[in-house]
Amino acid sequence: MNKIDHARAAYESCSLQFYENNEFVKSLCQSKRWFLVLMFNAAMGLDDNLQSWFNVTVLHLWMYCAQLKTLGPVGRAMCQEMFSTLLLDIEIRLSKAGVRTQIDKIITDLISLYYGQILAYDEGLALGDAVLAGALWKNTLAASDNVSAQDLKRLVEYVRIQLQHLDGKDLTDMNNLVKFRNILNSV
């Protein structure tokens, strides 16, 4: 696998987080355990649409790239390739949805959102869980009124567990694609 293919496979792992573990998510809904439902379906106000998918994907790209950036130029190049793949994926999704006008404006707006979210998550990582919770609430959950402090605490725990899982791994190893922890084992 070459570097571009590896970056694209890593991107795919991030972009699928919105849709993975549907059976587990349904069981969380039934048992009223909301903590990860808020990331993966509409139970906490995340509709199955481009914006919700984008927000969850950016969160996972940020977690993956936070580790990649510690690996020097190769890691930073892989992050850039993952970003390029995100842009291509957005364009494909818009096309499949029948969007034919203002594609450039939509993509430009999403790029701005991407950089704003990355900055907010970086700030949250540096300044503590309260700031991270605010960034997650605003960016991943679209500032929904349906989110409790406990929900945010659990989402912060999820992010911390994923970051810890990725920490120290060589994410540039072409023979070993690192994936996110299964949410059943996360929180």
C-alpha atoms as a PDB file:
ATOM      1  CA  MET A   1       0.000   0.000   0.000  1.00  0.00           C
ATOM      2  CA  ASN A   2       1.449   3.395  -0.924  1.00  0.00           C
ATOM      3  CA  LYS A   3       1.200   6.521   1.233  1.00  0.00           C
ATOM      4  CA  ILE A   4      -1.774   7.966  -0.621  1.00  0.00           C
ATOM      5  CA  ASP A   5      -3.741   4.720  -0.413  1.00  0.00           C
ATOM      6  CA  HIS A   6      -2.834   4.406   3.256  1.00  0.00           C
ATOM      7  CA  ALA A   7      -4.037   7.964   3.965  1.00  0.00           C
ATOM      8  CA  ARG A   8      -7.261   7.274   2.116  1.00  0.00           C
ATOM      9  CA  ALA A   9      -7.847   4.073   4.088  1.00  0.00           C
ATOM     10  CA  ALA A  10      -7.225   5.982   7.337  1.00  0.00           C
ATOM     11  CA  TYR A  11      -9.656   8.660   6.158  1.00  0.00           C
ATOM     12  CA  GLU A  12     -12.257   5.983   5.451  1.00  0.00           C
ATOM     13  CA  SER A  13     -11.927   4.770   9.041  1.00  0.00           C
ATOM     14  CA  CYS A  14     -12.696   8.318  10.215  1.00  0.00           C
ATOM     15  CA  SER A  15     -15.570   8.923   7.815  1.00  0.00           C
ATOM     16  CA  LEU A  16     -17.317   5.669   8.711  1.00  0.00           C
ATOM     17  CA  GLN A  17     -17.594   6.515  12.406  1.00  0.00           C
ATOM     18  CA  PHE A  18     -20.943   8.227  11.772  1.00  0.00           C
ATOM     19  CA  TYR A  19     -22.461   4.984  10.486  1.00  0.00           C
ATOM     20  CA  GLU A  20     -20.656   2.192  12.335  1.00  0.00           C
ATOM     21  CA  ASN A  21     -22.061   0.240  15.263  1.00  0.00           C
ATOM     22  CA  ASN A  22     -25.719   0.808  14.385  1.00  0.00           C
ATOM     23  CA  GLU A  23     -26.923  -2.183  16.408  1.00  0.00           C
ATOM     24  CA  PHE A  24     -25.075  -0.954  19.474  1.00  0.00           C
ATOM     25  CA  VAL A  25     -26.483   2.527  18.983  1.00  0.00           C
ATOM     26  CA  LYS A  26     -30.026   1.126  18.784  1.00  0.00           C
ATOM     27  CA  SER A  27     -29.481  -0.743  22.035  1.00  0.00           C
ATOM     28  CA  LEU A  28     -28.228   2.447  23.664  1.00  0.00           C
ATOM     29  CA  CYS A  29     -31.423   4.203  22.586  1.00  0.00           C
ATOM     30  CA  GLN A  30     -33.586   1.464  24.024  1.00  0.00           C
ATOM     31  CA  SER A  31     -31.687   1.391  27.304  1.00  0.00           C
ATOM     32  CA  LYS A  32     -31.649   5.206  27.566  1.00  0.00           C
ATOM     33  CA  ARG A  33     -27.822   5.235  27.669  1.00  0.00           C
ATOM     34  CA  TRP A  34     -27.321   8.288  25.492  1.00  0.00           C
ATOM     35  CA  PHE A  35     -23.576   8.888  25.745  1.00  0.00           C
ATOM     36  CA  LEU A  36     -22.473   7.694  22.281  1.00  0.00           C
ATOM     37  CA  VAL A  37     -25.821   7.845  20.585  1.00  0.00           C
ATOM     38  CA  LEU A  38     -25.305  11.581  20.306  1.00  0.00           C
ATOM     39  CA  MET A  39     -22.422  10.966  17.921  1.00  0.00           C
ATOM     40  CA  PHE A  40     -23.862   8.277  15.732  1.00  0.00           C
ATOM     41  CA  ASN A  41     -27.552   8.976  15.132  1.00  0.00           C
ATOM     42  CA  ALA A  42     -30.424  11.378  15.567  1.00  0.00           C
ATOM     43  CA  ALA A  43     -31.199  10.520  19.195  1.00  0.00           C
ATOM     44  CA  MET A  44     -29.332  13.642  20.299  1.00  0.00           C
ATOM     45  CA  GLY A  45     -30.311  15.772  17.350  1.00  0.00           C
ATOM     46  CA  LEU A  46     -27.814  14.557  14.757  1.00  0.00           C
ATOM     47  CA  ASP A  47     -29.739  13.903  11.611  1.00  0.00           C
ATOM     48  CA  ASP A  48     -28.391  11.606   8.930  1.00  0.00           C
ATOM     49  CA  ASN A  49     -27.304  14.416   6.636  1.00  0.00           C
ATOM     50  CA  LEU A  50     -24.139  15.867   5.159  1.00  0.00           C
ATOM     51  CA  GLN A  51     -23.570  18.363   7.970  1.00  0.00           C
ATOM     52  CA  SER A  52     -23.848  15.806  10.776  1.00  0.00           C
ATOM     53  CA  TRP A  53     -21.665  13.329   8.900  1.00  0.00           C
ATOM     54  CA  PHE A  54     -19.141  16.098   8.236  1.00  0.00           C
ATOM     55  CA  ASN A  55     -19.001  17.137  11.909  1.00  0.00           C
ATOM     56  CA  VAL A  56     -18.456  13.598  13.165  1.00  0.00           C
ATOM     57  CA  THR A  57     -15.911  12.889  10.428  1.00  0.00           C
ATOM     58  CA  VAL A  58     -13.951  16.059  11.241  1.00  0.00           C
ATOM     59  CA  LEU A  59     -13.868  15.066  14.908  1.00  0.00           C
ATOM     60  CA  HIS A  60     -12.364  11.692  14.018  1.00  0.00           C
ATOM     61  CA  LEU A  61      -9.967  13.208  11.481  1.00  0.00           C
ATOM     62  CA  TRP A  62      -8.785  15.583  14.196  1.00  0.00           C
ATOM     63  CA  MET A  63      -8.177  12.730  16.630  1.00  0.00           C
ATOM     64  CA  TYR A  64      -6.275  10.728  14.016  1.00  0.00           C
ATOM     65  CA  CYS A  65      -4.261  13.718  12.813  1.00  0.00           C
ATOM     66  CA  ALA A  66      -3.429  14.827  16.360  1.00  0.00           C
ATOM     67  CA  GLN A  67      -1.273  11.711  16.580  1.00  0.00           C
ATOM     68  CA  LEU A  68      -0.055  11.878  12.978  1.00  0.00           C
ATOM     69  CA  LYS A  69       1.299  15.398  13.468  1.00  0.00           C
ATOM     70  CA  THR A  70       3.639  14.108  16.179  1.00  0.00           C
ATOM     71  CA  LEU A  71       5.290  11.816  13.625  1.00  0.00           C
ATOM     72  CA  GLY A  72       7.035  14.551  11.650  1.00  0.00           C
ATOM     73  CA  PRO A  73       6.803  15.379   7.957  1.00  0.00           C
ATOM     74  CA  VAL A  74       5.425  11.972   6.934  1.00  0.00           C
ATOM     75  CA  GLY A  75       2.573  12.288   9.441  1.00  0.00           C
ATOM     76  CA  ARG A  76       1.787  15.854   8.394  1.00  0.00           C
ATOM     77  CA  ALA A  77       1.770  14.810   4.726  1.00  0.00           C
ATOM     78  CA  MET A  78      -0.637  11.995   5.567  1.00  0.00           C
ATOM     79  CA  CYS A  79      -2.932  14.497   7.339  1.00  0.00           C
ATOM     80  CA  GLN A  80      -2.907  16.669   4.239  1.00  0.00           C
ATOM     81  CA  GLU A  81      -3.808  13.684   2.070  1.00  0.00           C
ATOM     82  CA  MET A  82      -6.649  12.794   4.455  1.00  0.00           C
ATOM     83  CA  PHE A  83      -7.927  16.385   4.170  1.00  0.00           C
ATOM     84  CA  SER A  84      -7.752  16.178   0.361  1.00  0.00           C
ATOM     85  CA  THR A  85      -9.706  12.926   0.497  1.00  0.00           C
ATOM     86  CA  LEU A  86     -12.332  14.618   2.698  1.00  0.00           C
ATOM     87  CA  LEU A  87     -12.782  17.334   0.062  1.00  0.00           C
ATOM     88  CA  LEU A  88     -13.143  14.752  -2.694  1.00  0.00           C
ATOM     89  CA  ASP A  89     -15.635  12.783  -0.585  1.00  0.00           C
ATOM     90  CA  ILE A  90     -17.703  15.926   0.026  1.00  0.00           C
ATOM     91  CA  GLU A  91     -17.791  16.675  -3.677  1.00  0.00           C
ATOM     92  CA  ILE A  92     -18.902  13.109  -4.443  1.00  0.00           C
ATOM     93  CA  ARG A  93     -21.594  13.208  -1.738  1.00  0.00           C
ATOM     94  CA  LEU A  94     -22.922  16.528  -3.039  1.00  0.00           C
ATOM     95  CA  SER A  95     -23.023  15.175  -6.567  1.00  0.00           C
ATOM     96  CA  LYS A  96     -24.853  12.000  -5.471  1.00  0.00           C
ATOM     97  CA  ALA A  97     -27.344  14.170  -3.581  1.00  0.00           C
ATOM     98  CA  GLY A  98     -28.109  16.007  -6.812  1.00  0.00           C
ATOM     99  CA  VAL A  99     -26.489  19.292  -5.830  1.00  0.00           C
ATOM    100  CA  ARG A 100     -25.505  21.033  -9.043  1.00  0.00           C
ATOM    101  CA  THR A 101     -25.204  24.677  -8.043  1.00  0.00           C
ATOM    102  CA  GLN A 102     -23.011  26.526  -5.568  1.00  0.00           C
ATOM    103  CA  ILE A 103     -20.781  23.480  -5.000  1.00  0.00           C
ATOM    104  CA  ASP A 104     -17.700  25.702  -4.727  1.00  0.00           C
ATOM    105  CA  LYS A 105     -19.413  27.882  -2.096  1.00  0.00           C
ATOM    106  CA  ILE A 106     -20.576  24.862  -0.097  1.00  0.00           C
ATOM    107  CA  ILE A 107     -17.098  23.328  -0.151  1.00  0.00           C
ATOM    108  CA  THR A 108     -15.502  26.668   0.783  1.00  0.00           C
ATOM    109  CA  ASP A 109     -17.902  26.981   3.727  1.00  0.00           C
ATOM    110  CA  LEU A 110     -17.131  23.418   4.842  1.00  0.00           C
ATOM    111  CA  ILE A 111     -13.384  24.071   4.607  1.00  0.00           C
ATOM    112  CA  SER A 112     -13.851  27.077   6.900  1.00  0.00           C
ATOM    113  CA  LEU A 113     -15.868  24.923   9.297  1.00  0.00           C
ATOM    114  CA  TYR A 114     -13.160  22.250   9.176  1.00  0.00           C
ATOM    115  CA  TYR A 115     -10.401  24.649  10.217  1.00  0.00           C
ATOM    116  CA  GLY A 116     -12.602  26.242  12.885  1.00  0.00           C
ATOM    117  CA  GLN A 117     -13.466  22.854  14.371  1.00  0.00           C
ATOM    118  CA  ILE A 118      -9.843  21.683  14.317  1.00  0.00           C
ATOM    119  CA  LEU A 119      -8.780  24.867  16.105  1.00  0.00           C
ATOM    120  CA  ALA A 120     -11.556  24.501  18.688  1.00  0.00           C
ATOM    121  CA  TYR A 121     -10.616  20.865  19.394  1.00  0.00           C
ATOM    122  CA  ASP A 122      -6.915  21.766  19.646  1.00  0.00           C
ATOM    123  CA  GLU A 123      -7.837  24.487  22.113  1.00  0.00           C
ATOM    124  CA  GLY A 124      -9.962  22.042  24.109  1.00  0.00           C
ATOM    125  CA  LEU A 125      -7.135  19.530  24.203  1.00  0.00           C
ATOM    126  CA  ALA A 126      -4.724  22.199  25.461  1.00  0.00           C
ATOM    127  CA  LEU A 127      -7.037  24.011  27.881  1.00  0.00           C
ATOM    128  CA  GLY A 128      -8.968  21.155  29.454  1.00  0.00           C
ATOM    129  CA  ASP A 129     -12.146  19.136  29.389  1.00  0.00           C
ATOM    130  CA  ALA A 130     -14.525  22.059  29.939  1.00  0.00           C
ATOM    131  CA  VAL A 131     -13.222  23.816  26.818  1.00  0.00           C
ATOM    132  CA  LEU A 132     -13.195  20.521  24.899  1.00  0.00           C
ATOM    133  CA  ALA A 133     -16.796  19.863  25.966  1.00  0.00           C
ATOM    134  CA  GLY A 134     -17.782  23.303  24.686  1.00  0.00           C
ATOM    135  CA  ALA A 135     -16.072  22.643  21.357  1.00  0.00           C
ATOM    136  CA  LEU A 136     -17.769  19.248  21.042  1.00  0.00           C
ATOM    137  CA  TRP A 137     -21.163  20.705  21.930  1.00  0.00           C
ATOM    138  CA  LYS A 138     -20.848  23.530  19.427  1.00  0.00           C
ATOM    139  CA  ASN A 139     -19.234  21.643  16.571  1.00  0.00           C
ATOM    140  CA  THR A 140     -20.213  17.995  16.770  1.00  0.00           C
ATOM    141  CA  LEU A 141     -23.633  18.468  18.315  1.00  0.00           C
ATOM    142  CA  ALA A 142     -24.547  21.731  16.569  1.00  0.00           C
ATOM    143  CA  ALA A 143     -25.150  23.421  19.962  1.00  0.00           C
ATOM    144  CA  SER A 144     -28.232  21.265  20.543  1.00  0.00           C
ATOM    145  CA  ASP A 145     -30.435  22.051  23.547  1.00  0.00           C
ATOM    146  CA  ASN A 146     -31.072  18.309  23.961  1.00  0.00           C
ATOM    147  CA  VAL A 147     -27.625  17.630  25.405  1.00  0.00           C
ATOM    148  CA  SER A 148     -27.036  17.324  29.136  1.00  0.00           C
ATOM    149  CA  ALA A 149     -23.814  17.907  31.029  1.00  0.00           C
ATOM    150  CA  GLN A 150     -23.602  14.141  31.541  1.00  0.00           C
ATOM    151  CA  ASP A 151     -23.861  13.587  27.787  1.00  0.00           C
ATOM    152  CA  LEU A 152     -21.014  16.010  27.203  1.00  0.00           C
ATOM    153  CA  LYS A 153     -18.930  14.359  29.900  1.00  0.00           C
ATOM    154  CA  ARG A 154     -19.359  11.023  28.197  1.00  0.00           C
ATOM    155  CA  LEU A 155     -18.496  12.464  24.803  1.00  0.00           C
ATOM    156  CA  VAL A 156     -15.320  14.004  26.260  1.00  0.00           C
ATOM    157  CA  GLU A 157     -14.501  10.587  27.760  1.00  0.00           C
ATOM    158  CA  TYR A 158     -15.025   8.994  24.349  1.00  0.00           C
ATOM    159  CA  VAL A 159     -12.629  11.482  22.740  1.00  0.00           C
ATOM    160  CA  ARG A 160     -10.028  11.009  25.482  1.00  0.00           C
ATOM    161  CA  ILE A 161     -10.237   7.212  25.152  1.00  0.00           C
ATOM    162  CA  GLN A 162      -9.807   7.414  21.375  1.00  0.00           C
ATOM    163  CA  LEU A 163      -6.857   9.812  21.713  1.00  0.00           C
ATOM    164  CA  GLN A 164      -5.256   7.518  24.275  1.00  0.00           C
ATOM    165  CA  HIS A 165      -5.857   4.534  21.983  1.00  0.00           C
ATOM    166  CA  LEU A 166      -4.101   6.319  19.091  1.00  0.00           C
ATOM    167  CA  ASP A 167      -1.280   7.737  21.228  1.00  0.00           C
ATOM    168  CA  GLY A 168       2.107   6.235  20.523  1.00  0.00           C
ATOM    169  CA  LYS A 169       0.943   4.204  17.544  1.00  0.00           C
ATOM    170  CA  ASP A 170       2.813   4.526  14.267  1.00  0.00           C
ATOM    171  CA  LEU A 171      -0.110   5.593  12.148  1.00  0.00           C
ATOM    172  CA  THR A 172       2.156   5.902   9.109  1.00  0.00           C
ATOM    173  CA  ASP A 173       3.042   2.189   9.104  1.00  0.00           C
ATOM    174  CA  MET A 174       1.794   1.100   5.699  1.00  0.00           C
ATOM    175  CA  ASN A 175       1.292  -2.491   6.826  1.00  0.00           C
ATOM    176  CA  ASN A 176      -0.755  -1.679   9.903  1.00  0.00           C
ATOM    177  CA  LEU A 177      -3.797   0.554   9.528  1.00  0.00           C
ATOM    178  CA  VAL A 178      -4.827   1.654  13.005  1.00  0.00           C
ATOM    179  CA  LYS A 179      -8.566   1.931  13.543  1.00  0.00           C
ATOM    180  CA  PHE A 180     -10.631   3.539  16.241  1.00  0.00           C
ATOM    181  CA  ARG A 181     -11.538   1.515  19.287  1.00  0.00           C
ATOM    182  CA  ASN A 182     -14.809  -0.302  19.085  1.00  0.00           C
ATOM    183  CA  ILE A 183     -17.309   1.803  21.000  1.00  0.00           C
ATOM    184  CA  LEU A 184     -18.449  -1.257  22.937  1.00  0.00           C
ATOM    185  CA  ASN A 185     -15.024  -1.219  24.602  1.00  0.00           C
ATOM    186  CA  SER A 186     -14.618   2.552  24.845  1.00  0.00           C
ATOM    187  CA  VAL A 187     -16.749   3.972  27.636  1.00  0.00           C
END
